[in-house]
Amino acid sequence: MSEVSTFRLYVLRAAYLLIAVGLAFMVWPKMIQHTDAWALKYGDTFGLLAGVQVLAMLGVRYPIKMLPLLFFELTWKSIWLLAIALPLWRANQIDPGTAESIQACVMGVVISVVTIPWRYAWAKFVRESGDSWRWSTRNTQ
C-alpha cells in the first residue's frame, strides 16, 4: 500500500483550506443576501459551490478521505475549460467575466494536479479492487 507523507497531508490540508476560505468569501454572502431573480438564475450553481465549501472544511480534518472532492474540482474545472472557455477563446469572445473564470479554473486545475498524491490515488482508486456489487452478511457488523 502506498502511504502519503506528513508533508503531503499538510499540502492537502492547505489546498482544502484555500478552497474553503475562497468559496466562503465568494459564495456565502450571495447565498445569504439574494434576490428571487438571482436565485432562479444562479441559485443552483452557488448552492453546489456552497456544498463544495462545506466539504472542503471536512478535507482539512480528513485530507485523504476527501480526495474525491479534489478529483471533482479537477474534473469539472477541466471540462469547463475545454468545453466552454476554449471555444470562446478560439472565437475571440472572452469578456472580462469569462477571463476571470478562466483564471480561477486554471488555478484550480493547477492546485489540484500539484496537490493530489497521484501515486496513492493510483494505488487506491485504480489498482485496488472495488467494493463488492453484492450484499454480504460479512459486512454488516
Protein backbone atom coordinates (compact mmCIF):
# COMPACT_ATOMS: atom_id res chain seq x y z
CA MET A 1 0.00 0.00 0.00
CA SER A 2 1.29 3.44 -0.91
CA GLU A 3 1.37 5.83 2.05
CA VAL A 4 1.11 9.62 2.00
CA SER A 5 3.85 11.64 3.71
CA THR A 6 3.12 14.07 6.53
CA PHE A 7 4.26 16.92 4.27
CA ARG A 8 1.77 15.85 1.59
CA LEU A 9 -1.01 15.72 4.22
CA TYR A 10 -0.23 19.33 5.14
CA VAL A 11 -0.24 20.31 1.45
CA LEU A 12 -3.65 18.65 1.07
CA ARG A 13 -4.95 20.44 4.16
CA ALA A 14 -3.71 23.76 2.79
CA ALA A 15 -5.48 23.12 -0.52
CA TYR A 16 -8.76 22.26 1.23
CA LEU A 17 -8.40 25.35 3.42
CA LEU A 18 -7.77 27.53 0.35
CA ILE A 19 -10.91 26.15 -1.31
CA ALA A 20 -12.98 26.53 1.87
CA VAL A 21 -11.90 30.10 2.61
CA GLY A 22 -12.07 31.23 -1.02
CA LEU A 23 -15.57 29.84 -1.52
CA ALA A 24 -16.72 31.14 1.86
CA PHE A 25 -15.97 34.71 0.81
CA MET A 26 -17.36 34.26 -2.69
CA VAL A 27 -20.46 32.11 -2.13
CA TRP A 28 -21.99 32.70 1.29
CA PRO A 29 -22.58 36.47 1.04
CA LYS A 30 -24.53 35.87 -2.18
CA MET A 31 -26.40 32.91 -0.70
CA ILE A 32 -27.47 34.92 2.34
CA GLN A 33 -28.45 38.17 0.60
CA HIS A 34 -30.02 37.32 -2.72
CA THR A 35 -32.97 38.37 -4.80
CA ASP A 36 -35.52 35.95 -6.21
CA ALA A 37 -34.32 36.67 -9.76
CA TRP A 38 -30.72 35.93 -8.73
CA ALA A 39 -31.80 32.71 -7.00
CA LEU A 40 -33.57 31.48 -10.14
CA LYS A 41 -30.57 32.21 -12.35
CA TYR A 42 -27.62 31.33 -10.08
CA GLY A 43 -29.03 29.55 -7.04
CA ASP A 44 -28.21 26.01 -8.16
CA THR A 45 -24.62 26.88 -9.06
CA PHE A 46 -23.98 28.73 -5.82
CA GLY A 47 -25.73 26.00 -3.84
CA LEU A 48 -23.37 23.44 -5.35
CA LEU A 49 -20.36 25.65 -4.59
CA ALA A 50 -21.59 26.10 -1.01
CA GLY A 51 -21.67 22.31 -0.69
CA VAL A 52 -18.12 22.07 -2.02
CA GLN A 53 -17.07 24.71 0.53
CA VAL A 54 -18.55 22.76 3.43
CA LEU A 55 -16.95 19.51 2.23
CA ALA A 56 -13.58 21.27 1.81
CA MET A 57 -13.74 22.12 5.52
CA LEU A 58 -14.05 18.37 6.16
CA GLY A 59 -10.99 17.90 3.97
CA VAL A 60 -8.92 19.93 6.40
CA ARG A 61 -9.63 17.28 9.03
CA TYR A 62 -9.74 14.24 6.72
CA PRO A 63 -7.42 15.06 3.80
CA ILE A 64 -7.20 11.51 2.40
CA LYS A 65 -10.86 10.59 2.82
CA MET A 66 -11.89 13.75 0.97
CA LEU A 67 -9.66 13.17 -2.08
CA PRO A 68 -12.75 12.62 -4.29
CA LEU A 69 -13.58 16.31 -3.69
CA LEU A 70 -10.27 17.29 -5.31
CA PHE A 71 -10.99 14.87 -8.17
CA PHE A 72 -14.36 16.60 -8.61
CA GLU A 73 -12.71 20.03 -8.61
CA LEU A 74 -10.13 18.92 -11.18
CA THR A 75 -12.78 17.27 -13.36
CA TRP A 76 -15.40 19.99 -13.52
CA LYS A 77 -12.87 22.78 -13.99
CA SER A 78 -11.09 20.86 -16.76
CA ILE A 79 -14.40 20.15 -18.51
CA TRP A 80 -15.42 23.82 -18.26
CA LEU A 81 -12.08 24.98 -19.64
CA LEU A 82 -12.27 22.56 -22.58
CA ALA A 83 -15.98 22.79 -23.38
CA ILE A 84 -16.70 26.46 -22.63
CA ALA A 85 -13.55 28.55 -22.35
CA LEU A 86 -11.58 27.04 -25.23
CA PRO A 87 -14.33 27.55 -27.86
CA LEU A 88 -14.89 31.11 -26.61
CA TRP A 89 -11.15 31.79 -26.81
CA ARG A 90 -10.98 30.35 -30.34
CA ALA A 91 -13.89 32.59 -31.36
CA ASN A 92 -12.17 35.59 -29.75
CA GLN A 93 -15.18 36.12 -27.43
CA ILE A 94 -13.57 36.28 -24.00
CA ASP A 95 -15.12 39.07 -21.91
CA PRO A 96 -13.71 40.23 -18.54
CA GLY A 97 -16.04 37.96 -16.53
CA THR A 98 -15.09 34.91 -18.57
CA ALA A 99 -11.39 35.81 -18.29
CA GLU A 100 -11.78 35.89 -14.51
CA SER A 101 -13.48 32.47 -14.55
CA ILE A 102 -10.74 31.07 -16.78
CA GLN A 103 -8.06 32.32 -14.39
CA ALA A 104 -9.85 30.79 -11.38
CA CYS A 105 -10.37 27.45 -13.14
CA VAL A 106 -6.77 27.25 -14.37
CA MET A 107 -5.56 27.94 -10.82
CA GLY A 108 -7.92 25.24 -9.51
CA VAL A 109 -6.65 22.71 -12.04
CA VAL A 110 -3.01 23.52 -11.25
CA ILE A 111 -3.59 23.34 -7.48
CA SER A 112 -5.42 20.00 -7.84
CA VAL A 113 -2.76 18.47 -10.09
CA VAL A 114 0.06 19.57 -7.76
CA THR A 115 -1.77 18.67 -4.54
CA ILE A 116 -3.30 15.25 -5.27
CA PRO A 117 -0.96 12.44 -4.18
CA TRP A 118 -1.10 10.66 -7.53
CA ARG A 119 0.84 7.53 -6.53
CA TYR A 120 -1.53 6.97 -3.61
CA ALA A 121 -4.58 7.81 -5.76
CA TRP A 122 -3.47 5.33 -8.42
CA ALA A 123 -2.94 2.60 -5.82
CA LYS A 124 -6.27 3.22 -4.06
CA PHE A 125 -8.62 4.19 -6.87
CA VAL A 126 -7.26 2.27 -9.86
CA ARG A 127 -5.21 -0.74 -8.77
CA GLU A 128 -7.15 -1.73 -5.64
CA SER A 129 -10.27 -3.87 -6.04
CA GLY A 130 -13.54 -2.02 -5.96
CA ASP A 131 -16.30 -2.62 -3.45
CA SER A 132 -18.48 -5.68 -3.94
CA TRP A 133 -21.65 -5.32 -6.00
CA ARG A 134 -23.41 -7.93 -3.89
CA TRP A 135 -24.75 -7.57 -0.39
CA SER A 136 -22.79 -9.66 2.07
CA THR A 137 -23.62 -10.63 5.64
CA ARG A 138 -19.92 -10.35 6.48
CA ASN A 139 -20.08 -6.55 6.08
CA THR A 140 -22.99 -5.92 8.45
CA GLN A 141 -21.24 -5.89 11.80
